[in-house]
Structures are given as structure tokens and as C-alpha cells.
Amino acid sequence: MLLEEHTGFVVRHMDIDFIRGARLDDQLTVKTYIEEFKKASLTFAQEIVDQQGVTIAKALVKVACIDNVKMKPKAIPSSILVELKHSDG
């Protein structure tokens, strides 16, 4: 559906805070929440925690909606916003 509408998403900006280290075999969980909805972008807040629930890292990820053909920003389709709002929290 998205490709047919020439719709894609790209990471526009990311801030990340590495709080603690982790090892290769550690089991980590990534928790993701939608922090902000805008007309053509979303900001996700992410938290990586270890098995004990200790936060390893935090990130804010701004994702922009683009027209894949024109490679320019476009409004997020309403069908996607409805799905995201229903899945939020």
C-alpha cells in the first residue's frame, strides 16, 4: 500500500544517550512510544533496557514522511495515523 502511494519514511534526526554498556549476548528490550505527531513527521521515544529493567540507552528519533518519487516531504496518510494512534499506549 505505501509503495503504491509513493510513501516512505526516513530518519530525519536522532538523539541518543548511552547510559550503560551491554555485552554481545545480553537480552535487551527496546520500548518505543510515539512522543509527537506532526503533519509530515513523527517523533519516537525509545528506551533500551536489560533483563533487570535497567535502562541502557534512551533515544529520540524523528521520522519524516516522504514522497518516494519526488523525494520531498509529504503529509502522513490518515490511514497510517489512525493505526499509530490506536496502537499508542
PDB file of N, CA and C in Angstrom:
ATOM      1  N   MET A   1       0.818  -1.191   0.000  1.00  0.00           N
ATOM      2  CA  MET A   1       0.000   0.000   0.000  1.00  0.00           C
ATOM      3  C   MET A   1       0.871   1.269   0.000  1.00  0.00           C
ATOM      4  N   LEU A   2       1.854   1.337   0.872  1.00  0.00           N
ATOM      5  CA  LEU A   2       2.690   2.539   0.941  1.00  0.00           C
ATOM      6  C   LEU A   2       3.444   2.777  -0.356  1.00  0.00           C
ATOM      7  N   LEU A   3       4.006   1.709  -0.917  1.00  0.00           N
ATOM      8  CA  LEU A   3       4.761   1.873  -2.161  1.00  0.00           C
ATOM      9  C   LEU A   3       3.855   2.330  -3.301  1.00  0.00           C
ATOM     10  N   GLU A   4       2.625   1.820  -3.327  1.00  0.00           N
ATOM     11  CA  GLU A   4       1.680   2.232  -4.363  1.00  0.00           C
ATOM     12  C   GLU A   4       1.344   3.716  -4.261  1.00  0.00           C
ATOM     13  N   GLU A   5       1.376   4.239  -3.045  1.00  0.00           N
ATOM     14  CA  GLU A   5       1.092   5.663  -2.817  1.00  0.00           C
ATOM     15  C   GLU A   5       2.371   6.508  -2.837  1.00  0.00           C
ATOM     16  N   HIS A   6       3.501   5.887  -3.201  1.00  0.00           N
ATOM     17  CA  HIS A   6       4.800   6.567  -3.230  1.00  0.00           C
ATOM     18  C   HIS A   6       5.148   7.177  -1.871  1.00  0.00           C
ATOM     19  N   THR A   7       4.818   6.445  -0.806  1.00  0.00           N
ATOM     20  CA  THR A   7       5.038   6.935   0.549  1.00  0.00           C
ATOM     21  C   THR A   7       6.136   6.136   1.221  1.00  0.00           C
ATOM     22  N   GLY A   8       7.054   6.856   1.862  1.00  0.00           N
ATOM     23  CA  GLY A   8       8.119   6.212   2.619  1.00  0.00           C
ATOM     24  C   GLY A   8       8.430   7.019   3.863  1.00  0.00           C
ATOM     25  N   PHE A   9       9.241   6.459   4.710  1.00  0.00           N
ATOM     26  CA  PHE A   9       9.658   7.137   5.934  1.00  0.00           C
ATOM     27  C   PHE A   9      11.176   7.090   6.038  1.00  0.00           C
ATOM     28  N   VAL A  10      11.758   8.197   6.459  1.00  0.00           N
ATOM     29  CA  VAL A  10      13.202   8.281   6.635  1.00  0.00           C
ATOM     30  C   VAL A  10      13.500   8.886   8.006  1.00  0.00           C
ATOM     31  N   VAL A  11      14.626   8.478   8.586  1.00  0.00           N
ATOM     32  CA  VAL A  11      15.056   9.084   9.840  1.00  0.00           C
ATOM     33  C   VAL A  11      15.609  10.463   9.511  1.00  0.00           C
ATOM     34  N   ARG A  12      15.014  11.473  10.104  1.00  0.00           N
ATOM     35  CA  ARG A  12      15.426  12.866   9.869  1.00  0.00           C
ATOM     36  C   ARG A  12      16.445  13.323  10.906  1.00  0.00           C
ATOM     37  N   HIS A  13      16.248  12.881  12.152  1.00  0.00           N
ATOM     38  CA  HIS A  13      17.141  13.305  13.235  1.00  0.00           C
ATOM     39  C   HIS A  13      17.073  12.277  14.358  1.00  0.00           C
ATOM     40  N   MET A  14      18.189  12.125  15.055  1.00  0.00           N
ATOM     41  CA  MET A  14      18.211  11.180  16.169  1.00  0.00           C
ATOM     42  C   MET A  14      19.135  11.694  17.257  1.00  0.00           C
ATOM     43  N   ASP A  15      18.633  11.686  18.486  1.00  0.00           N
ATOM     44  CA  ASP A  15      19.437  11.981  19.673  1.00  0.00           C
ATOM     45  C   ASP A  15      19.477  10.714  20.497  1.00  0.00           C
ATOM     46  N   ILE A  16      20.668  10.309  20.911  1.00  0.00           N
ATOM     47  CA  ILE A  16      20.786   9.080  21.693  1.00  0.00           C
ATOM     48  C   ILE A  16      21.718   9.307  22.871  1.00  0.00           C
ATOM     49  N   ASP A  17      21.321   8.755  24.000  1.00  0.00           N
ATOM     50  CA  ASP A  17      22.108   8.855  25.225  1.00  0.00           C
ATOM     51  C   ASP A  17      22.455   7.437  25.663  1.00  0.00           C
ATOM     52  N   PHE A  18      23.727   7.081  25.550  1.00  0.00           N
ATOM     53  CA  PHE A  18      24.193   5.773  26.001  1.00  0.00           C
ATOM     54  C   PHE A  18      24.482   5.881  27.496  1.00  0.00           C
ATOM     55  N   ILE A  19      23.723   5.164  28.301  1.00  0.00           N
ATOM     56  CA  ILE A  19      23.808   5.286  29.748  1.00  0.00           C
ATOM     57  C   ILE A  19      24.718   4.227  30.362  1.00  0.00           C
ATOM     58  N   ARG A  20      24.574   3.002  29.925  1.00  0.00           N
ATOM     59  CA  ARG A  20      25.375   1.886  30.437  1.00  0.00           C
ATOM     60  C   ARG A  20      25.776   1.000  29.276  1.00  0.00           C
ATOM     61  N   GLY A  21      26.763   0.183  29.505  1.00  0.00           N
ATOM     62  CA  GLY A  21      27.207  -0.757  28.487  1.00  0.00           C
ATOM     63  C   GLY A  21      26.390  -2.043  28.514  1.00  0.00           C
ATOM     64  N   ALA A  22      26.448  -2.766  27.425  1.00  0.00           N
ATOM     65  CA  ALA A  22      25.823  -4.084  27.313  1.00  0.00           C
ATOM     66  C   ALA A  22      26.819  -4.999  26.609  1.00  0.00           C
ATOM     67  N   ARG A  23      26.634  -6.289  26.800  1.00  0.00           N
ATOM     68  CA  ARG A  23      27.513  -7.278  26.165  1.00  0.00           C
ATOM     69  C   ARG A  23      26.779  -7.950  25.010  1.00  0.00           C
ATOM     70  N   LEU A  24      27.547  -8.606  24.160  1.00  0.00           N
ATOM     71  CA  LEU A  24      27.015  -9.205  22.941  1.00  0.00           C
ATOM     72  C   LEU A  24      25.835 -10.137  23.196  1.00  0.00           C
ATOM     73  N   ASP A  25      25.879 -10.973  24.207  1.00  0.00           N
ATOM     74  CA  ASP A  25      24.813 -11.950  24.434  1.00  0.00           C
ATOM     75  C   ASP A  25      23.717 -11.470  25.380  1.00  0.00           C
ATOM     76  N   ASP A  26      23.769 -10.217  25.840  1.00  0.00           N
ATOM     77  CA  ASP A  26      22.717  -9.701  26.728  1.00  0.00           C
ATOM     78  C   ASP A  26      21.380  -9.669  25.998  1.00  0.00           C
ATOM     79  N   GLN A  27      20.325 -10.017  26.730  1.00  0.00           N
ATOM     80  CA  GLN A  27      18.973  -9.899  26.172  1.00  0.00           C
ATOM     81  C   GLN A  27      18.451  -8.514  26.529  1.00  0.00           C
ATOM     82  N   LEU A  28      18.190  -7.723  25.505  1.00  0.00           N
ATOM     83  CA  LEU A  28      17.747  -6.349  25.696  1.00  0.00           C
ATOM     84  C   LEU A  28      16.353  -6.168  25.116  1.00  0.00           C
ATOM     85  N   THR A  29      15.605  -5.252  25.682  1.00  0.00           N
ATOM     86  CA  THR A  29      14.271  -4.928  25.201  1.00  0.00           C
ATOM     87  C   THR A  29      14.258  -3.469  24.768  1.00  0.00           C
ATOM     88  N   VAL A  30      13.682  -3.209  23.601  1.00  0.00           N
ATOM     89  CA  VAL A  30      13.535  -1.845  23.119  1.00  0.00           C
ATOM     90  C   VAL A  30      12.075  -1.452  23.284  1.00  0.00           C
ATOM     91  N   LYS A  31      11.842  -0.446  24.114  1.00  0.00           N
ATOM     92  CA  LYS A  31      10.489   0.087  24.316  1.00  0.00           C
ATOM     93  C   LYS A  31      10.371   1.344  23.471  1.00  0.00           C
ATOM     94  N   THR A  32       9.290   1.428  22.697  1.00  0.00           N
ATOM     95  CA  THR A  32       9.102   2.559  21.795  1.00  0.00           C
ATOM     96  C   THR A  32       7.730   3.182  22.021  1.00  0.00           C
ATOM     97  N   TYR A  33       7.722   4.493  22.130  1.00  0.00           N
ATOM     98  CA  TYR A  33       6.487   5.254  22.320  1.00  0.00           C
ATOM     99  C   TYR A  33       6.471   6.393  21.312  1.00  0.00           C
ATOM    100  N   ILE A  34       5.283   6.748  20.862  1.00  0.00           N
ATOM    101  CA  ILE A  34       5.167   7.913  19.982  1.00  0.00           C
ATOM    102  C   ILE A  34       5.072   9.134  20.886  1.00  0.00           C
ATOM    103  N   GLU A  35       6.045  10.008  20.756  1.00  0.00           N
ATOM    104  CA  GLU A  35       6.090  11.201  21.587  1.00  0.00           C
ATOM    105  C   GLU A  35       5.381  12.381  20.942  1.00  0.00           C
ATOM    106  N   GLU A  36       5.437  12.472  19.613  1.00  0.00           N
ATOM    107  CA  GLU A  36       4.845  13.623  18.939  1.00  0.00           C
ATOM    108  C   GLU A  36       4.377  13.247  17.542  1.00  0.00           C
ATOM    109  N   PHE A  37       3.163  13.697  17.198  1.00  0.00           N
ATOM    110  CA  PHE A  37       2.619  13.565  15.848  1.00  0.00           C
ATOM    111  C   PHE A  37       2.634  14.946  15.209  1.00  0.00           C
ATOM    112  N   LYS A  38       3.135  15.043  13.999  1.00  0.00           N
ATOM    113  CA  LYS A  38       3.016  16.264  13.212  1.00  0.00           C
ATOM    114  C   LYS A  38       2.476  15.877  11.844  1.00  0.00           C
ATOM    115  N   LYS A  39       2.219  16.869  11.014  1.00  0.00           N
ATOM    116  CA  LYS A  39       1.613  16.612   9.703  1.00  0.00           C
ATOM    117  C   LYS A  39       2.455  15.668   8.845  1.00  0.00           C
ATOM    118  N   ALA A  40       3.778  15.866   8.846  1.00  0.00           N
ATOM    119  CA  ALA A  40       4.637  15.066   7.973  1.00  0.00           C
ATOM    120  C   ALA A  40       5.752  14.345   8.736  1.00  0.00           C
ATOM    121  N   SER A  41       5.648  14.300  10.077  1.00  0.00           N
ATOM    122  CA  SER A  41       6.691  13.613  10.838  1.00  0.00           C
ATOM    123  C   SER A  41       6.148  13.051  12.148  1.00  0.00           C
ATOM    124  N   LEU A  42       6.904  12.126  12.684  1.00  0.00           N
ATOM    125  CA  LEU A  42       6.617  11.514  13.983  1.00  0.00           C
ATOM    126  C   LEU A  42       7.908  11.518  14.778  1.00  0.00           C
ATOM    127  N   THR A  43       7.788  11.675  16.091  1.00  0.00           N
ATOM    128  CA  THR A  43       8.948  11.534  16.946  1.00  0.00           C
ATOM    129  C   THR A  43       8.697  10.370  17.886  1.00  0.00           C
ATOM    130  N   PHE A  44       9.618   9.413  17.854  1.00  0.00           N
ATOM    131  CA  PHE A  44       9.537   8.245  18.717  1.00  0.00           C
ATOM    132  C   PHE A  44      10.518   8.403  19.871  1.00  0.00           C
ATOM    133  N   ALA A  45      10.076   8.051  21.068  1.00  0.00           N
ATOM    134  CA  ALA A  45      10.977   7.963  22.214  1.00  0.00           C
ATOM    135  C   ALA A  45      11.268   6.482  22.403  1.00  0.00           C
ATOM    136  N   GLN A  46      12.536   6.138  22.507  1.00  0.00           N
ATOM    137  CA  GLN A  46      12.920   4.744  22.672  1.00  0.00           C
ATOM    138  C   GLN A  46      13.774   4.581  23.925  1.00  0.00           C
ATOM    139  N   GLU A  47      13.583   3.448  24.572  1.00  0.00           N
ATOM    140  CA  GLU A  47      14.377   3.118  25.754  1.00  0.00           C
ATOM    141  C   GLU A  47      14.815   1.664  25.621  1.00  0.00           C
ATOM    142  N   ILE A  48      16.104   1.420  25.795  1.00  0.00           N
ATOM    143  CA  ILE A  48      16.634   0.062  25.760  1.00  0.00           C
ATOM    144  C   ILE A  48      16.925  -0.340  27.200  1.00  0.00           C
ATOM    145  N   VAL A  49      16.329  -1.469  27.621  1.00  0.00           N
ATOM    146  CA  VAL A  49      16.513  -1.946  28.999  1.00  0.00           C
ATOM    147  C   VAL A  49      17.045  -3.371  28.991  1.00  0.00           C
ATOM    148  N   ASP A  50      17.788  -3.721  30.054  1.00  0.00           N
ATOM    149  CA  ASP A  50      18.297  -5.086  30.176  1.00  0.00           C
ATOM    150  C   ASP A  50      17.278  -5.965  30.889  1.00  0.00           C
ATOM    151  N   GLN A  51      17.632  -7.214  31.155  1.00  0.00           N
ATOM    152  CA  GLN A  51      16.708  -8.172  31.766  1.00  0.00           C
ATOM    153  C   GLN A  51      16.269  -7.760  33.171  1.00  0.00           C
ATOM    154  N   GLN A  52      17.066  -6.952  33.837  1.00  0.00           N
ATOM    155  CA  GLN A  52      16.712  -6.485  35.180  1.00  0.00           C
ATOM    156  C   GLN A  52      15.886  -5.198  35.132  1.00  0.00           C
ATOM    157  N   GLY A  53      15.614  -4.698  33.948  1.00  0.00           N
ATOM    158  CA  GLY A  53      14.849  -3.464  33.798  1.00  0.00           C
ATOM    159  C   GLY A  53      15.685  -2.207  33.898  1.00  0.00           C
ATOM    160  N   VAL A  54      17.013  -2.365  33.885  1.00  0.00           N
ATOM    161  CA  VAL A  54      17.911  -1.219  33.960  1.00  0.00           C
ATOM    162  C   VAL A  54      18.044  -0.590  32.574  1.00  0.00           C
ATOM    163  N   THR A  55      17.904   0.723  32.515  1.00  0.00           N
ATOM    164  CA  THR A  55      17.995   1.432  31.244  1.00  0.00           C
ATOM    165  C   THR A  55      19.438   1.480  30.760  1.00  0.00           C
ATOM    166  N   ILE A  56      19.646   1.020  29.547  1.00  0.00           N
ATOM    167  CA  ILE A  56      20.961   1.003  28.908  1.00  0.00           C
ATOM    168  C   ILE A  56      21.144   2.249  28.033  1.00  0.00           C
ATOM    169  N   ALA A  57      20.081   2.641  27.330  1.00  0.00           N
ATOM    170  CA  ALA A  57      20.154   3.793  26.435  1.00  0.00           C
ATOM    171  C   ALA A  57      18.762   4.384  26.236  1.00  0.00           C
ATOM    172  N   LYS A  58      18.737   5.664  25.886  1.00  0.00           N
ATOM    173  CA  LYS A  58      17.492   6.357  25.541  1.00  0.00           C
ATOM    174  C   LYS A  58      17.721   7.100  24.229  1.00  0.00           C
ATOM    175  N   ALA A  59      16.673   7.175  23.422  1.00  0.00           N
ATOM    176  CA  ALA A  59      16.808   7.875  22.144  1.00  0.00           C
ATOM    177  C   ALA A  59      15.514   8.581  21.775  1.00  0.00           C
ATOM    178  N   LEU A  60      15.654   9.676  21.051  1.00  0.00           N
ATOM    179  CA  LEU A  60      14.538  10.340  20.392  1.00  0.00           C
ATOM    180  C   LEU A  60      14.812  10.258  18.901  1.00  0.00           C
ATOM    181  N   VAL A  61      13.851   9.727  18.152  1.00  0.00           N
ATOM    182  CA  VAL A  61      14.038   9.516  16.721  1.00  0.00           C
ATOM    183  C   VAL A  61      12.931  10.243  15.966  1.00  0.00           C
ATOM    184  N   LYS A  62      13.307  11.239  15.165  1.00  0.00           N
ATOM    185  CA  LYS A  62      12.336  11.954  14.344  1.00  0.00           C
ATOM    186  C   LYS A  62      12.322  11.313  12.960  1.00  0.00           C
ATOM    187  N   VAL A  63      11.142  10.870  12.537  1.00  0.00           N
ATOM    188  CA  VAL A  63      10.964  10.191  11.261  1.00  0.00           C
ATOM    189  C   VAL A  63      10.076  11.056  10.376  1.00  0.00           C
ATOM    190  N   ALA A  64      10.535  11.325   9.166  1.00  0.00           N
ATOM    191  CA  ALA A  64       9.775  12.146   8.227  1.00  0.00           C
ATOM    192  C   ALA A  64       9.111  11.273   7.171  1.00  0.00           C
ATOM    193  N   CYS A  65       7.910  11.661   6.795  1.00  0.00           N
ATOM    194  CA  CYS A  65       7.192  11.000   5.710  1.00  0.00           C
ATOM    195  C   CYS A  65       7.590  11.703   4.409  1.00  0.00           C
ATOM    196  N   ILE A  66       7.916  10.903   3.393  1.00  0.00           N
ATOM    197  CA  ILE A  66       8.329  11.481   2.110  1.00  0.00           C
ATOM    198  C   ILE A  66       7.585  10.829   0.947  1.00  0.00           C
ATOM    199  N   ASP A  67       7.555  11.550  -0.147  1.00  0.00           N
ATOM    200  CA  ASP A  67       7.103  11.015  -1.428  1.00  0.00           C
ATOM    201  C   ASP A  67       8.332  10.332  -2.030  1.00  0.00           C
ATOM    202  N   ASN A  68       8.270   9.017  -2.228  1.00  0.00           N
ATOM    203  CA  ASN A  68       9.423   8.248  -2.713  1.00  0.00           C
ATOM    204  C   ASN A  68       9.860   8.615  -4.126  1.00  0.00           C
ATOM    205  N   VAL A  69       8.964   9.166  -4.911  1.00  0.00           N
ATOM    206  CA  VAL A  69       9.308   9.536  -6.283  1.00  0.00           C
ATOM    207  C   VAL A  69       9.943  10.920  -6.325  1.00  0.00           C
ATOM    208  N   LYS A  70       9.293  11.881  -5.680  1.00  0.00           N
ATOM    209  CA  LYS A  70       9.784  13.260  -5.673  1.00  0.00           C
ATOM    210  C   LYS A  70      10.882  13.485  -4.641  1.00  0.00           C
ATOM    211  N   MET A  71      10.997  12.560  -3.689  1.00  0.00           N
ATOM    212  CA  MET A  71      11.971  12.674  -2.593  1.00  0.00           C
ATOM    213  C   MET A  71      11.782  13.986  -1.825  1.00  0.00           C
ATOM    214  N   LYS A  72      10.510  14.293  -1.559  1.00  0.00           N
ATOM    215  CA  LYS A  72      10.159  15.501  -0.816  1.00  0.00           C
ATOM    216  C   LYS A  72       9.193  15.119   0.301  1.00  0.00           C
ATOM    217  N   PRO A  73       9.145  15.954   1.367  1.00  0.00           N
ATOM    218  CA  PRO A  73       8.207  15.670   2.463  1.00  0.00           C
ATOM    219  C   PRO A  73       6.767  15.668   1.978  1.00  0.00           C
ATOM    220  N   LYS A  74       5.950  14.848   2.616  1.00  0.00           N
ATOM    221  CA  LYS A  74       4.516  14.829   2.334  1.00  0.00           C
ATOM    222  C   LYS A  74       3.775  14.511   3.624  1.00  0.00           C
ATOM    223  N   ALA A  75       2.519  14.825   3.650  1.00  0.00           N
ATOM    224  CA  ALA A  75       1.696  14.549   4.828  1.00  0.00           C
ATOM    225  C   ALA A  75       1.598  13.045   5.047  1.00  0.00           C
ATOM    226  N   ILE A  76       1.609  12.659   6.306  1.00  0.00           N
ATOM    227  CA  ILE A  76       1.439  11.243   6.647  1.00  0.00           C
ATOM    228  C   ILE A  76       0.006  10.855   6.293  1.00  0.00           C
ATOM    229  N   PRO A  77      -0.179   9.757   5.539  1.00  0.00           N
ATOM    230  CA  PRO A  77      -1.535   9.332   5.186  1.00  0.00           C
ATOM    231  C   PRO A  77      -2.385   9.098   6.437  1.00  0.00           C
ATOM    232  N   SER A  78      -3.642   9.513   6.357  1.00  0.00           N
ATOM    233  CA  SER A  78      -4.536   9.402   7.520  1.00  0.00           C
ATOM    234  C   SER A  78      -4.700   7.958   7.969  1.00  0.00           C
ATOM    235  N   SER A  79      -4.649   7.002   7.045  1.00  0.00           N
ATOM    236  CA  SER A  79      -4.791   5.594   7.423  1.00  0.00           C
ATOM    237  C   SER A  79      -3.658   5.151   8.350  1.00  0.00           C
ATOM    238  N   ILE A  80      -2.470   5.683   8.130  1.00  0.00           N
ATOM    239  CA  ILE A  80      -1.327   5.342   8.979  1.00  0.00           C
ATOM    240  C   ILE A  80      -1.463   6.019  10.332  1.00  0.00           C
ATOM    241  N   LEU A  81      -1.878   7.281  10.334  1.00  0.00           N
ATOM    242  CA  LEU A  81      -2.062   7.991  11.608  1.00  0.00           C
ATOM    243  C   LEU A  81      -3.101   7.295  12.477  1.00  0.00           C
ATOM    244  N   VAL A  82      -4.177   6.829  11.875  1.00  0.00           N
ATOM    245  CA  VAL A  82      -5.220   6.123  12.638  1.00  0.00           C
ATOM    246  C   VAL A  82      -4.639   4.878  13.275  1.00  0.00           C
ATOM    247  N   GLU A  83      -3.871   4.097  12.521  1.00  0.00           N
ATOM    248  CA  GLU A  83      -3.258   2.879  13.055  1.00  0.00           C
ATOM    249  C   GLU A  83      -2.292   3.201  14.187  1.00  0.00           C
ATOM    250  N   LEU A  84      -1.459   4.206  13.989  1.00  0.00           N
ATOM    251  CA  LEU A  84      -0.481   4.559  15.016  1.00  0.00           C
ATOM    252  C   LEU A  84      -1.144   5.074  16.287  1.00  0.00           C
ATOM    253  N   LYS A  85      -2.184   5.875  16.144  1.00  0.00           N
ATOM    254  CA  LYS A  85      -2.881   6.420  17.310  1.00  0.00           C
ATOM    255  C   LYS A  85      -3.590   5.317  18.081  1.00  0.00           C
ATOM    256  N   HIS A  86      -4.100   4.303  17.374  1.00  0.00           N
ATOM    257  CA  HIS A  86      -4.770   3.190  18.050  1.00  0.00           C
ATOM    258  C   HIS A  86      -3.783   2.270  18.739  1.00  0.00           C
ATOM    259  N   SER A  87      -2.546   2.207  18.235  1.00  0.00           N
ATOM    260  CA  SER A  87      -1.552   1.325  18.835  1.00  0.00           C
ATOM    261  C   SER A  87      -0.783   2.016  19.952  1.00  0.00           C
ATOM    262  N   ASP A  88      -0.908   3.323  20.070  1.00  0.00           N
ATOM    263  CA  ASP A  88      -0.173   4.094  21.077  1.00  0.00           C
ATOM    264  C   ASP A  88      -0.774   3.870  22.450  1.00  0.00           C
ATOM    265  N   GLY A  89       0.085   3.346  23.313  1.00  0.00           N
ATOM    266  CA  GLY A  89      -0.162   3.192  24.609  1.00  0.00           C
ATOM    267  C   GLY A  89      -1.024   2.721  25.523  1.00  0.00           C
TER     268      GLY A  89
END
